Protein backbone atom coordinates (compact mmCIF):
# COMPACT_ATOMS: atom_id res chain seq x y z
CA MET A 1 19.79 18.33 -4.66
CA THR A 2 17.45 17.46 -7.55
CA VAL A 3 14.25 15.57 -6.87
CA PHE A 4 15.70 12.44 -8.49
CA GLU A 5 18.80 12.66 -6.29
CA GLU A 6 16.63 13.03 -3.21
CA LEU A 7 14.50 10.03 -4.19
CA LYS A 8 17.68 7.97 -4.58
CA ALA A 9 19.03 9.22 -1.25
CA ARG A 10 15.78 8.18 0.42
CA GLY A 11 16.11 4.68 -1.02
CA ILE A 12 12.85 5.01 -2.93
CA ILE A 13 14.12 4.30 -6.46
CA ALA A 14 14.87 0.68 -7.36
CA GLN A 15 15.25 0.34 -11.16
CA CYS A 16 15.01 2.68 -14.13
CA THR A 17 15.17 2.36 -17.90
CA ASN A 18 17.64 5.17 -18.59
CA GLU A 19 18.73 7.21 -15.56
CA GLU A 20 20.60 9.86 -17.54
CA GLU A 21 17.61 10.46 -19.83
CA ILE A 22 15.17 10.49 -16.89
CA VAL A 23 17.23 13.11 -15.02
CA LYS A 24 17.36 15.32 -18.13
CA GLN A 25 13.61 15.04 -18.67
CA LEU A 26 12.84 15.88 -15.04
CA GLU A 27 15.23 18.85 -15.04
CA ALA A 28 13.73 20.16 -18.30
CA GLY A 29 10.19 19.53 -16.89
CA PRO A 30 7.45 19.78 -16.03
CA VAL A 31 6.86 16.10 -16.80
CA LYS A 32 3.60 14.18 -16.77
CA PHE A 33 4.00 10.72 -15.23
CA TYR A 34 1.58 8.03 -14.20
CA VAL A 35 1.14 5.37 -11.55
CA GLY A 36 -1.47 2.63 -11.90
CA PHE A 37 -3.64 1.22 -9.12
CA ASP A 38 -5.80 -1.87 -9.61
CA PRO A 39 -9.01 -1.41 -7.58
CA THR A 40 -9.20 -4.94 -6.19
CA ALA A 41 -10.32 -3.75 -2.72
CA ASP A 42 -12.26 -0.80 -1.38
CA SER A 43 -9.21 0.70 0.31
CA LEU A 44 -5.58 1.37 -0.44
CA HIS A 45 -3.09 -0.37 1.85
CA ILE A 46 0.42 0.43 2.99
CA GLY A 47 1.90 -1.31 -0.06
CA HIS A 48 0.42 1.51 -2.17
CA PHE A 49 1.89 4.18 0.07
CA VAL A 50 5.44 4.23 -1.35
CA PRO A 51 4.24 4.90 -4.94
CA ILE A 52 1.93 7.62 -3.57
CA ILE A 53 4.83 9.20 -1.63
CA LEU A 54 6.85 9.06 -4.86
CA MET A 55 4.03 10.85 -6.68
CA ALA A 56 3.90 13.50 -3.96
CA HIS A 57 7.65 14.16 -4.09
CA LEU A 58 7.51 14.67 -7.86
CA GLN A 59 4.39 16.84 -7.62
CA LYS A 60 6.11 19.07 -5.05
CA ALA A 61 8.95 19.43 -7.59
CA GLY A 62 6.50 20.77 -10.19
CA HIS A 63 5.65 17.63 -12.14
CA THR A 64 2.14 16.36 -12.88
CA PRO A 65 0.96 12.98 -11.57
CA ILE A 66 -1.62 10.93 -13.44
CA ALA A 67 -3.36 8.46 -11.13
CA LEU A 68 -4.63 5.65 -13.30
CA PHE A 69 -7.29 3.44 -11.79
CA GLY A 70 -7.56 0.04 -13.45
CA GLY A 71 -11.26 -0.24 -14.05
CA GLY A 72 -10.39 -2.27 -17.15
CA THR A 73 -7.29 -4.21 -16.06
CA GLY A 74 -8.93 -4.79 -12.69
CA VAL A 75 -11.36 -7.13 -14.42
CA ILE A 76 -8.36 -9.39 -15.11
CA GLY A 77 -6.07 -8.71 -12.16
CA ASP A 78 -2.29 -8.54 -12.29
CA PRO A 79 -0.73 -12.03 -11.94
CA SER A 80 2.44 -10.56 -10.35
CA GLY A 81 3.15 -12.22 -7.01
CA LYS A 82 0.08 -14.44 -7.21
CA SER A 83 0.05 -18.24 -7.09
CA ASP A 84 -3.53 -18.45 -8.29
CA MET A 85 -5.70 -16.51 -10.69
CA ARG A 86 -7.26 -13.56 -8.90
CA LYS A 87 -11.01 -13.58 -8.40
CA MET A 88 -12.69 -11.50 -11.09
CA LEU A 89 -14.65 -8.50 -9.83
CA THR A 90 -17.87 -7.12 -11.22
CA LEU A 91 -17.87 -3.69 -12.83
CA GLU A 92 -20.00 -2.45 -9.92
CA ASP A 93 -17.36 -3.64 -7.42
CA ILE A 94 -14.58 -2.01 -9.42
CA ASN A 95 -16.38 1.33 -9.79
CA HIS A 96 -17.08 1.41 -6.04
CA ASN A 97 -13.43 0.68 -5.25
CA VAL A 98 -12.24 3.35 -7.69
CA GLU A 99 -14.34 5.95 -5.86
CA CYS A 100 -12.84 4.87 -2.53
CA PHE A 101 -9.30 5.16 -3.94
CA LYS A 102 -9.99 8.65 -5.29
CA LYS A 103 -11.18 9.84 -1.89
CA GLN A 104 -8.16 8.42 -0.06
CA MET A 105 -5.59 9.74 -2.52
CA SER A 106 -7.05 13.23 -2.45
CA GLY A 107 -5.64 13.64 1.05
CA LEU A 108 -2.13 12.97 -0.22
CA ILE A 109 -2.07 14.33 -3.77
CA ASP A 110 -3.32 17.78 -4.82
CA PHE A 111 -5.86 17.32 -7.60
CA ASP A 112 -7.02 20.97 -7.69
CA ASN A 113 -6.66 22.98 -10.92
CA ASP A 114 -5.28 19.99 -12.88
CA LYS A 115 -2.22 19.73 -10.63
CA ALA A 116 -2.88 15.99 -10.86
CA ILE A 117 -5.09 13.99 -13.20
CA ILE A 118 -7.34 10.99 -12.51
CA VAL A 119 -8.09 8.53 -15.29
CA ASN A 120 -9.77 5.12 -15.49
CA ASN A 121 -8.50 2.68 -18.10
CA ALA A 122 -11.99 1.23 -18.42
CA ASP A 123 -12.63 4.25 -20.66
CA TRP A 124 -10.44 2.83 -23.42
CA LEU A 125 -10.05 -0.88 -22.61
CA LEU A 126 -13.61 -2.09 -22.22
CA ASN A 127 -14.74 -1.07 -25.71
CA LEU A 128 -11.65 -2.24 -27.60
CA ASN A 129 -12.02 -4.24 -30.80
CA TYR A 130 -9.86 -7.25 -30.00
CA VAL A 131 -8.64 -7.84 -33.56
CA ASP A 132 -7.60 -4.20 -33.93
CA PHE A 133 -5.92 -4.31 -30.53
CA ILE A 134 -3.88 -7.41 -31.37
CA LYS A 135 -2.85 -5.94 -34.73
CA LYS A 136 -1.68 -2.69 -33.14
CA VAL A 137 -0.26 -3.95 -29.83
CA GLY A 138 0.15 -7.73 -29.93
CA VAL A 139 2.59 -7.69 -32.86
CA HIS A 140 5.18 -5.95 -30.65
CA PHE A 141 5.27 -8.73 -28.03
CA THR A 142 6.73 -12.22 -28.29
CA ILE A 143 5.39 -15.06 -26.16
CA SER A 144 8.91 -16.30 -25.32
CA LYS A 145 9.93 -12.92 -23.94
CA MET A 146 6.70 -12.49 -22.00
CA LEU A 147 7.00 -15.92 -20.38
CA ALA A 148 10.55 -15.04 -19.29
CA ALA A 149 9.13 -12.17 -17.20
CA GLU A 150 9.14 -12.89 -13.46
CA CYS A 151 5.46 -12.04 -13.10
CA TYR A 152 4.56 -14.94 -15.41
CA LYS A 153 7.26 -17.47 -14.53
CA GLN A 154 5.92 -17.91 -11.00
CA ARG A 155 2.47 -18.73 -12.38
CA MET A 156 3.54 -21.26 -14.99
CA GLU A 157 3.57 -24.34 -12.76
CA ARG A 158 0.02 -23.78 -11.48
CA GLY A 159 -1.27 -22.71 -14.84
CA LEU A 160 -1.19 -19.30 -16.48
CA THR A 161 -4.35 -18.52 -18.40
CA PHE A 162 -4.44 -16.63 -21.69
CA PHE A 163 -6.79 -14.25 -19.91
CA GLU A 164 -3.98 -13.26 -17.51
CA LEU A 165 -1.37 -13.27 -20.27
CA ASN A 166 -3.14 -10.26 -21.74
CA TYR A 167 -2.42 -8.17 -18.64
CA MET A 168 1.02 -7.05 -19.81
CA LEU A 169 -0.41 -5.97 -23.18
CA MET A 170 -3.17 -3.98 -21.53
CA GLN A 171 -0.89 -2.23 -19.04
CA SER A 172 1.52 -1.40 -21.86
CA TYR A 173 -1.37 -0.05 -23.91
CA ASP A 174 -2.35 2.16 -20.94
CA PHE A 175 1.02 3.90 -21.17
CA TYR A 176 0.60 4.28 -24.93
CA VAL A 177 -2.84 5.89 -24.53
CA LEU A 178 -1.63 8.26 -21.82
CA ASN A 179 1.37 9.22 -23.91
CA GLN A 180 -0.82 10.00 -26.91
CA LYS A 181 -3.60 11.77 -25.00
CA TYR A 182 -1.75 13.59 -22.21
CA GLY A 183 1.89 13.60 -23.29
CA CYS A 184 2.73 11.28 -20.39
CA MET A 185 6.48 10.60 -20.46
CA MET A 186 7.06 8.27 -17.53
CA GLU A 187 5.49 5.31 -15.79
CA LEU A 188 6.22 4.73 -12.12
CA GLY A 189 5.28 1.79 -9.95
CA GLY A 190 6.35 -0.88 -7.51
CA ASP A 191 9.42 -2.94 -8.32
CA ASP A 192 7.24 -6.01 -8.90
CA GLN A 193 5.77 -4.18 -11.91
CA TRP A 194 9.10 -3.86 -13.74
CA SER A 195 8.33 -6.32 -16.55
CA ASN A 196 4.98 -4.70 -17.33
CA MET A 197 6.50 -1.23 -17.26
CA ILE A 198 9.27 -2.22 -19.65
CA GLY A 199 6.54 -3.53 -21.95
CA GLY A 200 4.91 -0.10 -22.06
CA VAL A 201 8.16 1.74 -22.78
CA GLU A 202 9.05 -0.64 -25.60
CA LEU A 203 5.54 -0.55 -27.09
CA ILE A 204 5.53 3.25 -27.39
CA ARG A 205 9.01 3.35 -28.87
CA ARG A 206 8.32 0.53 -31.36
CA ILE A 207 5.05 2.03 -32.58
CA ALA A 208 6.79 5.40 -32.96
CA ALA A 209 9.72 3.83 -34.83
CA LYS A 210 7.37 1.96 -37.16
CA GLU A 211 5.37 5.10 -37.93
CA ALA A 212 8.57 7.10 -38.49
CA GLU A 213 9.81 4.46 -40.93
CA GLU A 214 6.51 4.46 -42.82
CA THR A 215 6.25 8.26 -43.05
CA GLY A 216 9.94 9.16 -43.30
CA ASN A 217 9.55 11.56 -40.38
CA PRO A 218 11.85 11.58 -37.34
CA VAL A 219 10.73 9.85 -34.16
CA PRO A 220 8.94 12.46 -32.01
CA GLU A 221 10.63 13.50 -28.76
CA SER A 222 7.28 12.96 -27.06
CA THR A 223 7.59 9.20 -27.56
CA LYS A 224 11.03 8.90 -25.91
CA VAL A 225 9.45 7.61 -22.72
CA ASN A 226 10.95 6.04 -19.62
CA ALA A 227 9.99 4.17 -16.48
CA PHE A 228 11.35 3.68 -13.01
CA THR A 229 10.25 1.64 -10.04
CA CYS A 230 10.11 2.35 -6.33
CA SER A 231 11.50 -0.06 -3.78
CA LEU A 232 9.12 -2.45 -2.13
CA LEU A 233 8.58 -1.83 1.57
CA LEU A 234 10.55 -4.69 3.12
CA THR A 235 11.93 -5.36 6.57
CA SER A 236 15.67 -5.76 7.11
CA GLU A 237 14.98 -9.51 6.87
CA GLY A 238 13.46 -9.14 3.40
CA LYS A 239 9.83 -9.67 4.41
CA LYS A 240 7.02 -7.40 3.21
CA MET A 241 5.98 -4.80 5.76
CA GLY A 242 2.35 -3.96 6.46
CA LYS A 243 1.05 -7.32 7.63
CA THR A 244 -0.84 -7.35 10.93
CA GLU A 245 -2.69 -10.02 12.88
CA LYS A 246 -5.87 -8.77 11.23
CA GLY A 247 -4.36 -8.81 7.74
CA ALA A 248 -3.21 -5.87 5.64
CA LEU A 249 -2.41 -2.46 7.09
CA TRP A 250 -5.18 -0.46 5.41
CA LEU A 251 -5.31 3.30 4.89
CA ASP A 252 -9.06 3.30 5.55
CA PRO A 253 -9.63 4.15 9.25
CA GLU A 254 -12.64 1.83 9.30
CA LYS A 255 -10.41 -1.12 8.39
CA THR A 256 -7.31 -0.14 10.39
CA SER A 257 -7.92 2.44 13.12
CA PRO A 258 -5.53 5.40 13.42
CA TYR A 259 -4.39 4.00 16.78
CA GLU A 260 -3.61 0.56 15.29
CA PHE A 261 -1.92 2.27 12.36
CA TYR A 262 0.21 4.37 14.72
CA GLN A 263 1.09 1.35 16.84
CA TYR A 264 2.30 -0.60 13.82
CA TRP A 265 4.97 2.01 13.08
CA ARG A 266 5.71 2.57 16.77
CA ASN A 267 6.60 -1.10 17.02
CA VAL A 268 8.78 -1.61 13.91
CA ASP A 269 12.15 -3.23 14.43
CA ASP A 270 15.01 -0.93 15.36
CA ALA A 271 16.81 -1.87 12.13
CA ASP A 272 13.92 -0.58 9.99
CA VAL A 273 13.19 2.80 11.61
CA ILE A 274 15.55 5.03 9.63
CA LYS A 275 14.69 3.37 6.32
CA CYS A 276 10.99 3.97 6.99
CA LEU A 277 11.61 7.60 7.96
CA LYS A 278 13.39 8.16 4.66
CA MET A 279 10.86 6.36 2.49
CA LEU A 280 7.57 7.22 4.18
CA THR A 281 7.93 10.78 5.47
CA PHE A 282 8.90 14.20 4.14
CA LEU A 283 11.25 14.94 7.04
CA PRO A 284 14.53 16.48 5.80
CA LEU A 285 17.30 13.98 5.17
CA ASP A 286 19.79 15.85 7.34
CA TYR A 287 17.34 15.65 10.26
CA ILE A 288 16.86 11.91 9.66
CA ASP A 289 20.65 11.51 9.60
CA GLU A 290 20.79 13.09 13.05
CA LEU A 291 18.08 10.73 14.28
CA SER A 292 20.07 7.78 12.94
CA LYS A 293 22.72 8.49 15.59
CA CYS A 294 20.30 7.62 18.41
CA GLU A 295 21.06 4.46 20.34
CA GLY A 296 19.49 2.34 23.06
CA SER A 297 16.30 3.69 24.57
CA GLU A 298 16.58 6.84 22.44
CA ILE A 299 15.43 4.76 19.45
CA ASN A 300 11.96 4.63 21.03
CA LYS A 301 11.72 8.40 20.57
CA VAL A 302 12.66 7.97 16.91
CA LYS A 303 9.94 5.34 16.54
CA GLU A 304 7.42 7.80 18.00
CA ILE A 305 8.48 10.37 15.41
CA LEU A 306 8.06 7.80 12.62
CA ALA A 307 4.65 6.67 13.87
CA PHE A 308 3.39 10.23 14.28
CA GLU A 309 4.61 11.43 10.87
CA VAL A 310 3.23 8.48 8.89
CA THR A 311 -0.10 8.53 10.75
CA LYS A 312 -0.34 12.30 10.18
CA LEU A 313 0.10 11.85 6.43
CA ILE A 314 -2.67 9.24 6.25
CA HIS A 315 -5.15 10.30 8.93
CA GLY A 316 -4.30 13.94 9.65
CA GLU A 317 -2.47 15.64 12.51
CA ASP A 318 -5.40 15.50 14.97
CA GLU A 319 -5.80 11.73 14.66
CA ALA A 320 -2.03 11.24 14.87
CA ALA A 321 -1.92 13.30 18.07
CA LYS A 322 -4.81 11.30 19.56
CA ALA A 323 -3.14 8.01 18.69
CA GLN A 324 0.15 9.15 20.19
CA ALA A 325 -1.51 10.40 23.38
CA THR A 326 -3.42 7.13 23.76
CA ALA A 327 -0.29 5.04 23.20
CA ARG A 328 1.72 7.03 25.72
CA ALA A 329 -1.03 6.88 28.33
CA LEU A 330 -1.52 3.15 27.89
CA PHE A 331 2.17 2.39 28.21
CA THR A 332 2.63 4.58 31.29
CA THR A 333 -0.61 4.05 33.21
CA GLY A 334 -2.74 1.59 31.25
CA GLY A 335 -5.60 3.97 31.86
CA ASP A 336 -6.57 6.00 28.78
CA ILE A 337 -9.08 4.03 26.71
CA GLU A 338 -10.72 6.78 24.66
CA ASN A 339 -9.06 5.89 21.35
CA MET A 340 -8.22 2.27 22.10
CA PRO A 341 -9.19 -0.30 19.42
CA SER A 342 -12.44 -1.93 20.47
CA THR A 343 -14.93 -4.66 19.58
CA ASP A 344 -18.61 -4.71 20.45
CA ILE A 345 -20.15 -7.90 21.82
CA THR A 346 -23.76 -8.71 22.64
CA ALA A 347 -25.71 -11.23 24.71
CA ASP A 348 -25.66 -13.51 21.63
CA ASP A 349 -21.92 -13.99 22.17
CA PHE A 350 -22.57 -15.54 25.60
CA THR A 351 -23.42 -19.19 26.25
CA ASP A 352 -25.47 -19.81 29.39
CA GLY A 353 -24.65 -16.28 30.47
CA LYS A 354 -20.88 -16.72 30.10
CA ILE A 355 -18.14 -16.17 27.52
CA LEU A 356 -14.73 -17.79 27.72
CA LEU A 357 -11.87 -15.27 27.69
CA GLN A 358 -10.25 -17.30 24.93
CA ASP A 359 -13.43 -16.93 22.82
CA LEU A 360 -13.50 -13.22 23.56
CA MET A 361 -9.88 -12.86 22.39
CA VAL A 362 -10.70 -14.57 19.11
CA LYS A 363 -13.80 -12.36 18.73
CA CYS A 364 -11.59 -9.29 19.22
CA SER A 365 -9.05 -10.62 16.65
CA LEU A 366 -6.35 -10.71 19.32
CA CYS A 367 -5.73 -14.37 18.47
CA ALA A 368 -6.42 -16.41 15.38
CA SER A 369 -7.70 -19.42 17.36
CA LYS A 370 -8.72 -20.60 20.82
CA GLY A 371 -5.58 -22.72 20.94
CA GLU A 372 -3.40 -19.65 20.43
CA ALA A 373 -5.33 -17.81 23.16
CA LYS A 374 -4.83 -20.72 25.58
CA ARG A 375 -1.08 -20.79 24.94
CA LEU A 376 -0.82 -17.05 25.42
CA ILE A 377 -2.70 -17.20 28.75
CA GLN A 378 -0.61 -20.17 29.87
CA GLN A 379 2.57 -18.22 29.13
CA GLY A 380 1.38 -15.29 31.22
CA GLY A 381 0.93 -12.98 28.26
CA VAL A 382 -2.64 -11.81 28.93
CA LEU A 383 -3.92 -9.19 31.36
CA LEU A 384 -7.59 -8.47 31.98
CA ASN A 385 -8.20 -5.01 33.43
CA ASP A 386 -4.50 -4.89 34.41
CA ILE A 387 -4.66 -8.26 36.23
CA LYS A 388 -2.64 -11.17 34.85
CA VAL A 389 -4.81 -14.10 33.80
CA THR A 390 -3.62 -17.55 34.87
CA ASP A 391 -6.76 -19.61 34.23
CA MET A 392 -6.90 -20.78 30.62
CA PHE A 393 -10.62 -21.45 31.00
CA LEU A 394 -11.59 -18.16 32.64
CA SER A 395 -15.18 -17.17 31.82
CA LEU A 396 -16.72 -13.72 31.99
CA THR A 397 -20.31 -12.82 32.80
CA ALA A 398 -22.16 -9.60 32.14
CA GLU A 399 -21.29 -8.49 35.69
CA ASP A 400 -17.60 -8.49 34.77
CA PHE A 401 -18.39 -5.69 32.30
CA SER A 402 -19.26 -3.39 35.20
CA ASP A 403 -18.25 -0.24 33.31
CA GLY A 404 -19.69 -1.55 30.08
CA TYR A 405 -16.33 -2.88 28.91
CA VAL A 406 -13.21 -4.84 29.81
CA VAL A 407 -9.67 -4.13 28.67
CA ILE A 408 -7.53 -7.00 27.44
CA LYS A 409 -3.78 -6.54 27.22
CA LYS A 410 -1.89 -8.97 24.99
CA GLY A 411 1.85 -9.04 25.57
CA LYS A 412 3.51 -5.72 26.27
CA LYS A 413 2.13 -3.62 23.45
CA VAL A 414 -1.38 -4.64 22.38
CA PHE A 415 -4.43 -3.24 24.17
CA HIS A 416 -8.05 -3.91 23.21
CA LYS A 417 -11.41 -2.92 24.68
CA ALA A 418 -14.39 -5.28 24.55
CA ASN A 419 -17.67 -3.36 24.84
CA LEU A 420 -20.84 -5.07 26.02
CA ILE A 421 -23.77 -3.47 24.20
């Protein structure tokens, strides 16, 4: 099975410009390809994980990934999927975020001995002469075609700025620069990037065709580029995966602990387990096919395998093992708290020496509001130190933290430790 066939079998590939040509290029390899990441936060999140897995599969097959960090495009922000213009970041913010991305990706992609390349498009975008750029790049794009792209259509009603309209040109120019400088032949990315990726392919081919016409030379093989997208990580109901009560599912352990990360995958819907195993792990497909035959309570074992494998890829085998041990202990005895998610509170969180349990739950991000906490307690969904809470207005004093902490259990699966410091 070729790497492209395996990617298709795993459900990772969504759309491609020319499948037959892509397969030939990959088989003739090695091929340099790139994936872009806009550094709009100081951590990658699970939405970035599928493109990174795609990069890793291709690298294992002998191809060379180029990780492009959008130090230049990040100043604008991609309008795809956004209802409002994204807040503009300072160059200092962007540079800090780029460094965080590099560190996180190094655990998943091998950058030693030029096996993968890191670039920052700030190097060529921030010093561009705008008139020269428009003459070289802008002439190959029509406004009518750009506005027909899905990434712009959804912004039209609220107002699409000319500032954002330039994003497609800049991302397309990225591909052109990488093709010229590194011989990059393919752009990969999430399926929501399809319009921008098509723009890059067409830009390179049109510039090459124009130069060939002017010089009388044939179009170079090195400019016969392609692109393909990876599937977005969606539930069986079509909703984006990776959303938690605290927000995004981050790859940074300081933002989402390994235990919380593990628990997210341990608790996915039964209908999504096999898809996630195929897309997010390197387990052999024949083994995953065997796991797909599990039914009833056996599916919980499959979920444990998924949670362990994905957590291992992000946080390492030791952290995955700790998270798994903690989860098993909590579900069987409710006793192991060593790696449980926790929140520190101080005397400042108390009023007249007391803190309402509902306030404590909001402080620990177990509920978004006091009203939600009240409803949960009223429905019998809260345990405090393994004792069901029935009083919506239960208050705790410092004496209740006799061991220096209390353990709150929300529903059947969420445990949290509140430390009094």
